[in-house]
Structures are given as structure tokens and as C-alpha cells.
Amino acid sequence: MEDIAYADKGRPSPHALTGAGVAVTDAAGRVLLGWSKKRGVWELPGGKNDAGEGFAEAAVRELAEETGLRADAEDARLLALLMDSVHGVPRVTAAVRVSAFKGEPSVREPELIDRWEWHDPAVLPRPLFTPSAHVIDTVWPGLLTGLPPVHRYPVADF
């Protein structure tokens, strides 16, 4: 069989933000949240994915860059894609659950995050960053109420 040729139309104009939100828990089942100096909210580790980087890879990279926790991409499971918008720009957040990690959380980006703390999912601090709240609602459905609208696309293992 002959290879098929592929081509793009040229450089696309930016249209959306994409990134990963990382739900990681300690041995007691508490979820890691950081206090954002910039936003004045609690948020999960995570952030934008780099060009050519998958969501699981972005999740473990961001986890290491922000908290110092080390995880393998094989221990990062994509649960769902979440789509909302911010200031009229579509935002796609990958809800990623990390099941194993090494290390202790520490502040690696002090200009962004003041501190990292473990929290019982049943008693979460407020306010929460909206994408983080959507990821938490994916991992622990029904835990949060009054969430802003989101399109949730669960990812099936195949």
C-alpha cells in the first residue's frame, strides 16, 4: 500500500487554550491544591500543554515544575476533556488523575503559587479556580455544587 501524502493549510490563528488539570492524592486520599497569588484562588497543579505534548505528558511535567512531585506518564490517566470558555476564548482542560508519585510538594514557582496543601475532598477550601473545580467534579462527581457550565467528554479506555 502506498503512503498517503498529508498537508496543512498554513499557520492557523490561535483559537483556544489547552492544558491539563492534575488531581493527585496522598496516602490519606487528600487532594493537592495550591494557593494562587495571581488569581486569589485554590487550584490543582497543571497548566498549558506544549506543542506536540500529550495531556498525560503535560500533566506530569506541570506537576514536577509546580510542585516538585515526580510521576511517570504511565501513572497519569486521562479521565475526560472539559470545555468551557474564558473571556470569549474556548478553553479545553484535560482532567488527569495521577495515581503514583514520588517526593513531597514544595513551591517551585513562588511568583505564582504561595503554598501547596493537601485537602480532604469532602471539605475543600474556597474559592476554587474554575478549571480545577471541573476536574475535581470529574474525579469526585457531585462533590461540588453550583459549578459554571462545562462540556464534559469522558475518555473511554480502548
N, C-alpha and C. Protein backbone atom coordinates (compact mmCIF):
# COMPACT_ATOMS: atom_id res chain seq x y z
N MET A 1 0.84 -1.18 0.00
CA MET A 1 0.00 0.00 0.00
C MET A 1 0.89 1.24 0.00
N GLU A 2 0.52 2.20 -0.80
CA GLU A 2 1.29 3.43 -0.93
C GLU A 2 0.95 4.40 0.20
N ASP A 3 1.99 5.11 0.72
CA ASP A 3 1.77 6.12 1.76
C ASP A 3 0.91 7.25 1.22
N ILE A 4 0.08 7.79 2.07
CA ILE A 4 -0.76 8.93 1.72
C ILE A 4 0.00 10.20 2.08
N ALA A 5 -0.07 11.20 1.22
CA ALA A 5 0.57 12.48 1.49
C ALA A 5 -0.35 13.34 2.33
N TYR A 6 0.22 14.12 3.26
CA TYR A 6 -0.55 14.99 4.14
C TYR A 6 -0.03 16.41 4.01
N ALA A 7 -0.93 17.39 4.20
CA ALA A 7 -0.52 18.79 4.15
C ALA A 7 -1.44 19.62 5.03
N ASP A 8 -0.94 20.74 5.52
CA ASP A 8 -1.75 21.68 6.28
C ASP A 8 -2.03 22.90 5.43
N LYS A 9 -2.96 23.72 5.88
CA LYS A 9 -3.33 24.93 5.15
C LYS A 9 -2.40 26.09 5.42
N GLY A 10 -1.48 25.95 6.31
CA GLY A 10 -0.62 27.05 6.73
C GLY A 10 -0.78 27.27 8.22
N ARG A 11 -0.13 28.27 8.73
CA ARG A 11 -0.18 28.54 10.17
C ARG A 11 -1.58 28.98 10.58
N PRO A 12 -2.21 28.22 11.50
CA PRO A 12 -3.54 28.61 11.95
C PRO A 12 -3.47 29.78 12.94
N SER A 13 -4.54 30.53 13.00
CA SER A 13 -4.59 31.58 14.02
C SER A 13 -5.01 30.94 15.33
N PRO A 14 -4.44 31.37 16.45
CA PRO A 14 -4.80 30.78 17.75
C PRO A 14 -6.29 30.94 18.01
N HIS A 15 -6.87 29.86 18.52
CA HIS A 15 -8.32 29.87 18.73
C HIS A 15 -8.72 29.44 20.14
N ALA A 16 -7.87 28.64 20.81
CA ALA A 16 -8.27 28.08 22.10
C ALA A 16 -7.06 27.89 22.99
N LEU A 17 -7.33 27.74 24.29
CA LEU A 17 -6.33 27.37 25.28
C LEU A 17 -6.48 25.89 25.56
N THR A 18 -5.38 25.16 25.68
CA THR A 18 -5.45 23.76 26.06
C THR A 18 -4.47 23.50 27.19
N GLY A 19 -4.85 22.64 28.08
CA GLY A 19 -3.99 22.31 29.20
C GLY A 19 -4.52 21.14 29.98
N ALA A 20 -3.84 20.85 31.07
CA ALA A 20 -4.21 19.72 31.92
C ALA A 20 -4.36 20.19 33.35
N GLY A 21 -5.35 19.67 34.04
CA GLY A 21 -5.52 19.84 35.47
C GLY A 21 -5.24 18.50 36.12
N VAL A 22 -4.40 18.48 37.15
CA VAL A 22 -3.91 17.23 37.71
C VAL A 22 -4.50 16.99 39.10
N ALA A 23 -5.27 15.93 39.22
CA ALA A 23 -5.78 15.51 40.52
C ALA A 23 -4.83 14.44 41.06
N VAL A 24 -4.11 14.79 42.11
CA VAL A 24 -3.17 13.87 42.74
C VAL A 24 -3.52 13.82 44.23
N THR A 25 -3.53 12.62 44.79
CA THR A 25 -3.88 12.47 46.20
C THR A 25 -2.75 11.78 46.96
N ASP A 26 -2.70 12.08 48.27
CA ASP A 26 -1.71 11.43 49.12
C ASP A 26 -2.28 10.10 49.63
N ALA A 27 -1.54 9.43 50.49
CA ALA A 27 -1.95 8.13 51.01
C ALA A 27 -3.26 8.20 51.80
N ALA A 28 -3.58 9.37 52.34
CA ALA A 28 -4.83 9.55 53.10
C ALA A 28 -6.00 9.93 52.21
N GLY A 29 -5.77 10.04 50.89
CA GLY A 29 -6.84 10.38 49.97
C GLY A 29 -7.11 11.87 49.83
N ARG A 30 -6.20 12.69 50.38
CA ARG A 30 -6.37 14.15 50.28
C ARG A 30 -5.81 14.64 48.94
N VAL A 31 -6.47 15.63 48.37
CA VAL A 31 -6.09 16.17 47.08
C VAL A 31 -5.18 17.38 47.28
N LEU A 32 -4.19 17.52 46.39
CA LEU A 32 -3.22 18.62 46.48
C LEU A 32 -3.76 19.85 45.77
N LEU A 33 -3.79 20.98 46.52
CA LEU A 33 -4.20 22.27 45.97
C LEU A 33 -3.17 23.32 46.34
N GLY A 34 -3.00 24.28 45.44
CA GLY A 34 -2.10 25.39 45.69
C GLY A 34 -2.86 26.70 45.75
N TRP A 35 -2.40 27.61 46.62
CA TRP A 35 -3.00 28.95 46.72
C TRP A 35 -2.33 29.84 45.68
N SER A 36 -3.10 30.29 44.70
CA SER A 36 -2.59 31.12 43.62
C SER A 36 -2.53 32.58 44.05
N LYS A 37 -1.32 33.14 44.10
CA LYS A 37 -1.15 34.56 44.40
C LYS A 37 -1.79 35.41 43.32
N LYS A 38 -1.63 34.99 42.09
CA LYS A 38 -2.08 35.74 40.93
C LYS A 38 -3.61 35.81 40.85
N ARG A 39 -4.26 34.68 41.09
CA ARG A 39 -5.71 34.60 40.91
C ARG A 39 -6.50 34.75 42.21
N GLY A 40 -5.85 34.51 43.35
CA GLY A 40 -6.56 34.56 44.62
C GLY A 40 -7.55 33.41 44.77
N VAL A 41 -7.15 32.23 44.28
CA VAL A 41 -7.99 31.03 44.34
C VAL A 41 -7.11 29.82 44.65
N TRP A 42 -7.75 28.74 45.05
CA TRP A 42 -7.09 27.45 45.19
C TRP A 42 -7.15 26.75 43.85
N GLU A 43 -6.08 26.07 43.47
CA GLU A 43 -6.07 25.38 42.18
C GLU A 43 -5.25 24.11 42.25
N LEU A 44 -5.59 23.20 41.36
CA LEU A 44 -4.82 21.98 41.18
C LEU A 44 -3.52 22.30 40.45
N PRO A 45 -2.53 21.44 40.58
CA PRO A 45 -1.37 21.59 39.71
C PRO A 45 -1.83 21.43 38.26
N GLY A 46 -1.13 22.04 37.36
CA GLY A 46 -1.47 21.88 35.94
C GLY A 46 -1.17 23.14 35.17
N GLY A 47 -1.44 23.08 33.89
CA GLY A 47 -1.20 24.22 33.03
C GLY A 47 -1.27 23.84 31.58
N LYS A 48 -0.84 24.76 30.74
CA LYS A 48 -0.92 24.58 29.30
C LYS A 48 0.03 23.48 28.83
N ASN A 49 -0.41 22.76 27.80
CA ASN A 49 0.50 21.78 27.23
C ASN A 49 1.33 22.43 26.13
N ASP A 50 2.57 21.95 26.01
CA ASP A 50 3.47 22.45 24.98
C ASP A 50 3.10 21.84 23.64
N ALA A 51 3.54 22.48 22.56
CA ALA A 51 3.30 21.96 21.22
C ALA A 51 3.84 20.54 21.10
N GLY A 52 3.03 19.66 20.57
CA GLY A 52 3.44 18.27 20.38
C GLY A 52 3.38 17.41 21.63
N GLU A 53 2.91 17.97 22.73
CA GLU A 53 2.88 17.26 24.01
C GLU A 53 1.47 16.76 24.29
N GLY A 54 1.34 15.50 24.67
CA GLY A 54 0.05 14.95 25.04
C GLY A 54 -0.38 15.43 26.42
N PHE A 55 -1.64 15.20 26.75
CA PHE A 55 -2.16 15.67 28.03
C PHE A 55 -1.51 14.97 29.23
N ALA A 56 -1.26 13.67 29.14
CA ALA A 56 -0.63 12.96 30.26
C ALA A 56 0.79 13.48 30.48
N GLU A 57 1.51 13.71 29.39
CA GLU A 57 2.87 14.23 29.49
C GLU A 57 2.86 15.65 30.07
N ALA A 58 1.91 16.47 29.62
CA ALA A 58 1.79 17.82 30.17
C ALA A 58 1.49 17.77 31.65
N ALA A 59 0.62 16.85 32.05
CA ALA A 59 0.24 16.73 33.46
C ALA A 59 1.44 16.40 34.34
N VAL A 60 2.23 15.41 33.96
CA VAL A 60 3.37 15.05 34.81
C VAL A 60 4.47 16.11 34.76
N ARG A 61 4.64 16.78 33.61
CA ARG A 61 5.62 17.87 33.53
C ARG A 61 5.21 19.02 34.43
N GLU A 62 3.95 19.44 34.32
CA GLU A 62 3.46 20.55 35.14
C GLU A 62 3.50 20.20 36.63
N LEU A 63 3.17 18.97 36.97
CA LEU A 63 3.22 18.52 38.36
C LEU A 63 4.64 18.69 38.90
N ALA A 64 5.62 18.26 38.13
CA ALA A 64 7.02 18.39 38.56
C ALA A 64 7.46 19.85 38.62
N GLU A 65 7.13 20.62 37.60
CA GLU A 65 7.55 22.02 37.56
C GLU A 65 6.94 22.84 38.69
N GLU A 66 5.68 22.57 39.01
CA GLU A 66 4.98 23.39 40.01
C GLU A 66 5.18 22.90 41.44
N THR A 67 5.25 21.58 41.64
CA THR A 67 5.25 21.04 42.99
C THR A 67 6.50 20.25 43.36
N GLY A 68 7.29 19.85 42.38
CA GLY A 68 8.44 19.00 42.63
C GLY A 68 8.09 17.53 42.72
N LEU A 69 6.80 17.17 42.66
CA LEU A 69 6.41 15.76 42.69
C LEU A 69 6.73 15.14 41.33
N ARG A 70 7.28 13.95 41.36
CA ARG A 70 7.65 13.25 40.13
C ARG A 70 6.73 12.07 39.89
N ALA A 71 6.20 12.01 38.68
CA ALA A 71 5.32 10.91 38.29
C ALA A 71 5.67 10.50 36.87
N ASP A 72 5.32 9.28 36.52
CA ASP A 72 5.51 8.80 35.16
C ASP A 72 4.23 9.00 34.37
N ALA A 73 4.36 9.24 33.08
CA ALA A 73 3.18 9.41 32.23
C ALA A 73 2.28 8.18 32.29
N GLU A 74 2.85 7.01 32.54
CA GLU A 74 2.05 5.78 32.64
C GLU A 74 1.13 5.81 33.87
N ASP A 75 1.47 6.64 34.85
CA ASP A 75 0.66 6.76 36.07
C ASP A 75 -0.32 7.93 35.99
N ALA A 76 -0.41 8.55 34.81
CA ALA A 76 -1.33 9.67 34.59
C ALA A 76 -2.43 9.21 33.65
N ARG A 77 -3.67 9.20 34.16
CA ARG A 77 -4.80 8.71 33.38
C ARG A 77 -5.71 9.86 32.97
N LEU A 78 -5.91 10.00 31.67
CA LEU A 78 -6.83 11.00 31.15
C LEU A 78 -8.25 10.53 31.38
N LEU A 79 -9.01 11.27 32.17
CA LEU A 79 -10.39 10.89 32.51
C LEU A 79 -11.42 11.52 31.59
N ALA A 80 -11.21 12.79 31.23
CA ALA A 80 -12.18 13.50 30.40
C ALA A 80 -11.55 14.76 29.84
N LEU A 81 -12.13 15.24 28.76
CA LEU A 81 -11.82 16.56 28.24
C LEU A 81 -12.98 17.47 28.64
N LEU A 82 -12.63 18.63 29.17
CA LEU A 82 -13.61 19.59 29.66
C LEU A 82 -13.47 20.85 28.83
N MET A 83 -14.59 21.37 28.32
CA MET A 83 -14.51 22.57 27.50
C MET A 83 -15.46 23.63 28.04
N ASP A 84 -14.90 24.79 28.33
CA ASP A 84 -15.69 25.96 28.70
C ASP A 84 -15.07 27.14 27.95
N SER A 85 -15.32 28.34 28.39
CA SER A 85 -14.69 29.49 27.75
C SER A 85 -14.35 30.52 28.81
N VAL A 86 -13.33 31.31 28.51
CA VAL A 86 -12.91 32.38 29.38
C VAL A 86 -12.67 33.60 28.51
N HIS A 87 -13.35 34.70 28.82
CA HIS A 87 -13.23 35.94 28.04
C HIS A 87 -13.46 35.69 26.55
N GLY A 88 -14.41 34.81 26.23
CA GLY A 88 -14.75 34.53 24.84
C GLY A 88 -13.80 33.60 24.13
N VAL A 89 -12.82 33.02 24.83
CA VAL A 89 -11.86 32.10 24.23
C VAL A 89 -12.18 30.69 24.71
N PRO A 90 -12.36 29.74 23.79
CA PRO A 90 -12.58 28.36 24.21
C PRO A 90 -11.40 27.85 25.04
N ARG A 91 -11.72 27.11 26.10
CA ARG A 91 -10.68 26.55 26.98
C ARG A 91 -10.95 25.05 27.11
N VAL A 92 -9.95 24.25 26.77
CA VAL A 92 -10.05 22.79 26.88
C VAL A 92 -9.09 22.35 27.98
N THR A 93 -9.64 21.73 29.00
CA THR A 93 -8.83 21.23 30.11
C THR A 93 -8.95 19.72 30.15
N ALA A 94 -7.82 19.06 30.15
CA ALA A 94 -7.80 17.61 30.31
C ALA A 94 -7.82 17.30 31.80
N ALA A 95 -8.81 16.53 32.24
CA ALA A 95 -8.87 16.08 33.63
C ALA A 95 -7.99 14.84 33.73
N VAL A 96 -6.87 14.99 34.45
CA VAL A 96 -5.88 13.91 34.55
C VAL A 96 -5.76 13.49 36.01
N ARG A 97 -5.81 12.20 36.24
CA ARG A 97 -5.66 11.62 37.58
C ARG A 97 -4.31 10.95 37.66
N VAL A 98 -3.47 11.39 38.57
CA VAL A 98 -2.15 10.77 38.77
C VAL A 98 -2.27 9.82 39.95
N SER A 99 -1.93 8.55 39.71
CA SER A 99 -2.13 7.52 40.73
C SER A 99 -0.89 7.23 41.56
N ALA A 100 0.28 7.65 41.11
CA ALA A 100 1.52 7.37 41.86
C ALA A 100 2.51 8.50 41.61
N PHE A 101 3.23 8.86 42.66
CA PHE A 101 4.23 9.92 42.54
C PHE A 101 5.30 9.70 43.59
N LYS A 102 6.40 10.44 43.43
CA LYS A 102 7.49 10.42 44.41
C LYS A 102 7.76 11.85 44.84
N GLY A 103 8.16 12.00 46.11
CA GLY A 103 8.55 13.30 46.61
C GLY A 103 7.52 13.94 47.52
N GLU A 104 7.85 15.12 47.97
CA GLU A 104 6.98 15.93 48.82
C GLU A 104 6.72 17.25 48.09
N PRO A 105 5.49 17.76 48.14
CA PRO A 105 5.22 19.01 47.41
C PRO A 105 5.97 20.20 48.00
N SER A 106 6.48 21.02 47.12
CA SER A 106 7.14 22.26 47.51
C SER A 106 6.83 23.32 46.46
N VAL A 107 6.92 24.56 46.85
CA VAL A 107 6.65 25.67 45.94
C VAL A 107 7.85 25.83 45.01
N ARG A 108 7.63 25.65 43.72
CA ARG A 108 8.68 25.78 42.71
C ARG A 108 8.54 27.05 41.89
N GLU A 109 7.35 27.64 41.93
CA GLU A 109 7.08 28.88 41.19
C GLU A 109 6.47 29.89 42.15
N PRO A 110 7.30 30.46 43.04
CA PRO A 110 6.77 31.33 44.09
C PRO A 110 6.10 32.60 43.57
N GLU A 111 6.35 32.97 42.33
CA GLU A 111 5.68 34.13 41.77
C GLU A 111 4.21 33.81 41.43
N LEU A 112 3.87 32.52 41.37
CA LEU A 112 2.51 32.09 41.03
C LEU A 112 1.77 31.46 42.21
N ILE A 113 2.43 30.58 42.92
CA ILE A 113 1.80 29.80 43.99
C ILE A 113 2.46 30.13 45.32
N ASP A 114 1.63 30.42 46.32
CA ASP A 114 2.13 30.75 47.65
C ASP A 114 2.48 29.49 48.45
N ARG A 115 1.62 28.47 48.34
CA ARG A 115 1.83 27.23 49.11
C ARG A 115 1.01 26.10 48.50
N TRP A 116 1.45 24.88 48.74
CA TRP A 116 0.72 23.66 48.36
C TRP A 116 0.26 22.98 49.63
N GLU A 117 -1.00 22.54 49.65
CA GLU A 117 -1.55 21.86 50.82
C GLU A 117 -2.44 20.70 50.37
N TRP A 118 -2.45 19.65 51.22
CA TRP A 118 -3.34 18.51 51.00
C TRP A 118 -4.68 18.82 51.66
N HIS A 119 -5.78 18.53 50.94
CA HIS A 119 -7.13 18.80 51.45
C HIS A 119 -8.03 17.59 51.27
N ASP A 120 -8.86 17.36 52.27
CA ASP A 120 -9.88 16.32 52.18
C ASP A 120 -10.86 16.75 51.09
N PRO A 121 -11.12 15.90 50.08
CA PRO A 121 -12.05 16.29 49.01
C PRO A 121 -13.44 16.67 49.51
N ALA A 122 -13.85 16.14 50.64
CA ALA A 122 -15.19 16.45 51.17
C ALA A 122 -15.23 17.83 51.83
N VAL A 123 -14.06 18.42 52.12
CA VAL A 123 -14.00 19.72 52.79
C VAL A 123 -12.97 20.59 52.06
N LEU A 124 -13.30 21.00 50.86
CA LEU A 124 -12.36 21.77 50.05
C LEU A 124 -12.43 23.26 50.39
N PRO A 125 -11.29 23.93 50.32
CA PRO A 125 -11.28 25.38 50.57
C PRO A 125 -11.91 26.11 49.38
N ARG A 126 -12.30 27.33 49.60
CA ARG A 126 -12.89 28.17 48.56
C ARG A 126 -12.13 29.48 48.51
N PRO A 127 -12.16 30.19 47.43
CA PRO A 127 -12.71 29.81 46.13
C PRO A 127 -11.76 28.88 45.38
N LEU A 128 -12.33 28.14 44.43
CA LEU A 128 -11.57 27.24 43.57
C LEU A 128 -11.49 27.83 42.16
N PHE A 129 -10.35 27.67 41.52
CA PHE A 129 -10.19 28.04 40.12
C PHE A 129 -11.15 27.18 39.31
N THR A 130 -11.90 27.78 38.41
CA THR A 130 -12.96 27.08 37.68
C THR A 130 -12.49 25.80 37.00
N PRO A 131 -11.41 25.80 36.20
CA PRO A 131 -10.99 24.53 35.60
C PRO A 131 -10.63 23.46 36.64
N SER A 132 -10.04 23.87 37.76
CA SER A 132 -9.74 22.91 38.82
C SER A 132 -11.02 22.33 39.41
N ALA A 133 -12.02 23.17 39.60
CA ALA A 133 -13.31 22.69 40.12
C ALA A 133 -13.93 21.68 39.17
N HIS A 134 -13.83 21.92 37.87
CA HIS A 134 -14.38 20.97 36.89
C HIS A 134 -13.62 19.64 36.93
N VAL A 135 -12.29 19.70 37.10
CA VAL A 135 -11.52 18.46 37.20
C VAL A 135 -11.90 17.71 38.47
N ILE A 136 -12.00 18.42 39.58
CA ILE A 136 -12.40 17.79 40.85
C ILE A 136 -13.77 17.14 40.70
N ASP A 137 -14.69 17.81 40.01
CA ASP A 137 -16.03 17.26 39.79
C ASP A 137 -15.99 16.03 38.89
N THR A 138 -14.98 15.92 38.06
CA THR A 138 -14.81 14.72 37.22
C THR A 138 -14.32 13.56 38.06
N VAL A 139 -13.38 13.82 38.96
CA VAL A 139 -12.81 12.76 39.80
C VAL A 139 -13.78 12.36 40.90
N TRP A 140 -14.44 13.34 41.51
CA TRP A 140 -15.39 13.11 42.60
C TRP A 140 -16.74 13.71 42.21
N PRO A 141 -17.50 13.03 41.34
CA PRO A 141 -18.76 13.59 40.84
C PRO A 141 -19.72 13.93 41.98
N GLY A 142 -20.36 15.09 41.85
CA GLY A 142 -21.38 15.50 42.81
C GLY A 142 -20.84 16.14 44.06
N LEU A 143 -19.54 16.20 44.22
CA LEU A 143 -18.94 16.78 45.41
C LEU A 143 -19.15 18.29 45.48
N LEU A 144 -19.06 18.94 44.33
CA LEU A 144 -19.21 20.39 44.24
C LEU A 144 -20.58 20.74 43.65
N THR A 145 -21.14 21.84 44.11
CA THR A 145 -22.42 22.29 43.57
C THR A 145 -22.27 23.69 42.99
N GLY A 146 -23.19 24.05 42.12
CA GLY A 146 -23.21 25.39 41.56
C GLY A 146 -22.06 25.71 40.62
N LEU A 147 -21.53 24.69 39.97
CA LEU A 147 -20.41 24.91 39.05
C LEU A 147 -20.86 25.65 37.80
N PRO A 148 -19.98 26.48 37.22
CA PRO A 148 -20.30 27.08 35.93
C PRO A 148 -20.45 25.98 34.87
N PRO A 149 -21.13 26.28 33.78
CA PRO A 149 -21.33 25.25 32.74
C PRO A 149 -20.02 24.78 32.13
N VAL A 150 -20.00 23.51 31.76
CA VAL A 150 -18.85 22.93 31.08
C VAL A 150 -19.36 21.80 30.18
N HIS A 151 -18.69 21.61 29.06
CA HIS A 151 -18.95 20.43 28.22
C HIS A 151 -17.94 19.38 28.66
N ARG A 152 -18.45 18.22 29.07
CA ARG A 152 -17.58 17.15 29.60
C ARG A 152 -17.61 15.99 28.62
N TYR A 153 -16.43 15.57 28.18
CA TYR A 153 -16.30 14.46 27.26
C TYR A 153 -15.45 13.38 27.92
N PRO A 154 -16.11 12.40 28.57
CA PRO A 154 -15.36 11.32 29.21
C PRO A 154 -14.53 10.55 28.16
N VAL A 155 -13.37 10.12 28.58
CA VAL A 155 -12.48 9.37 27.69
C VAL A 155 -12.58 7.91 28.08
N ALA A 156 -12.95 7.09 27.10
CA ALA A 156 -13.06 5.65 27.34
C ALA A 156 -11.72 4.99 27.04
N ASP A 157 -11.35 4.04 27.88
CA ASP A 157 -10.14 3.25 27.59
C ASP A 157 -10.45 2.31 26.43
N PHE A 158 -9.52 2.22 25.51
CA PHE A 158 -9.73 1.27 24.41
C PHE A 158 -8.43 0.61 24.04
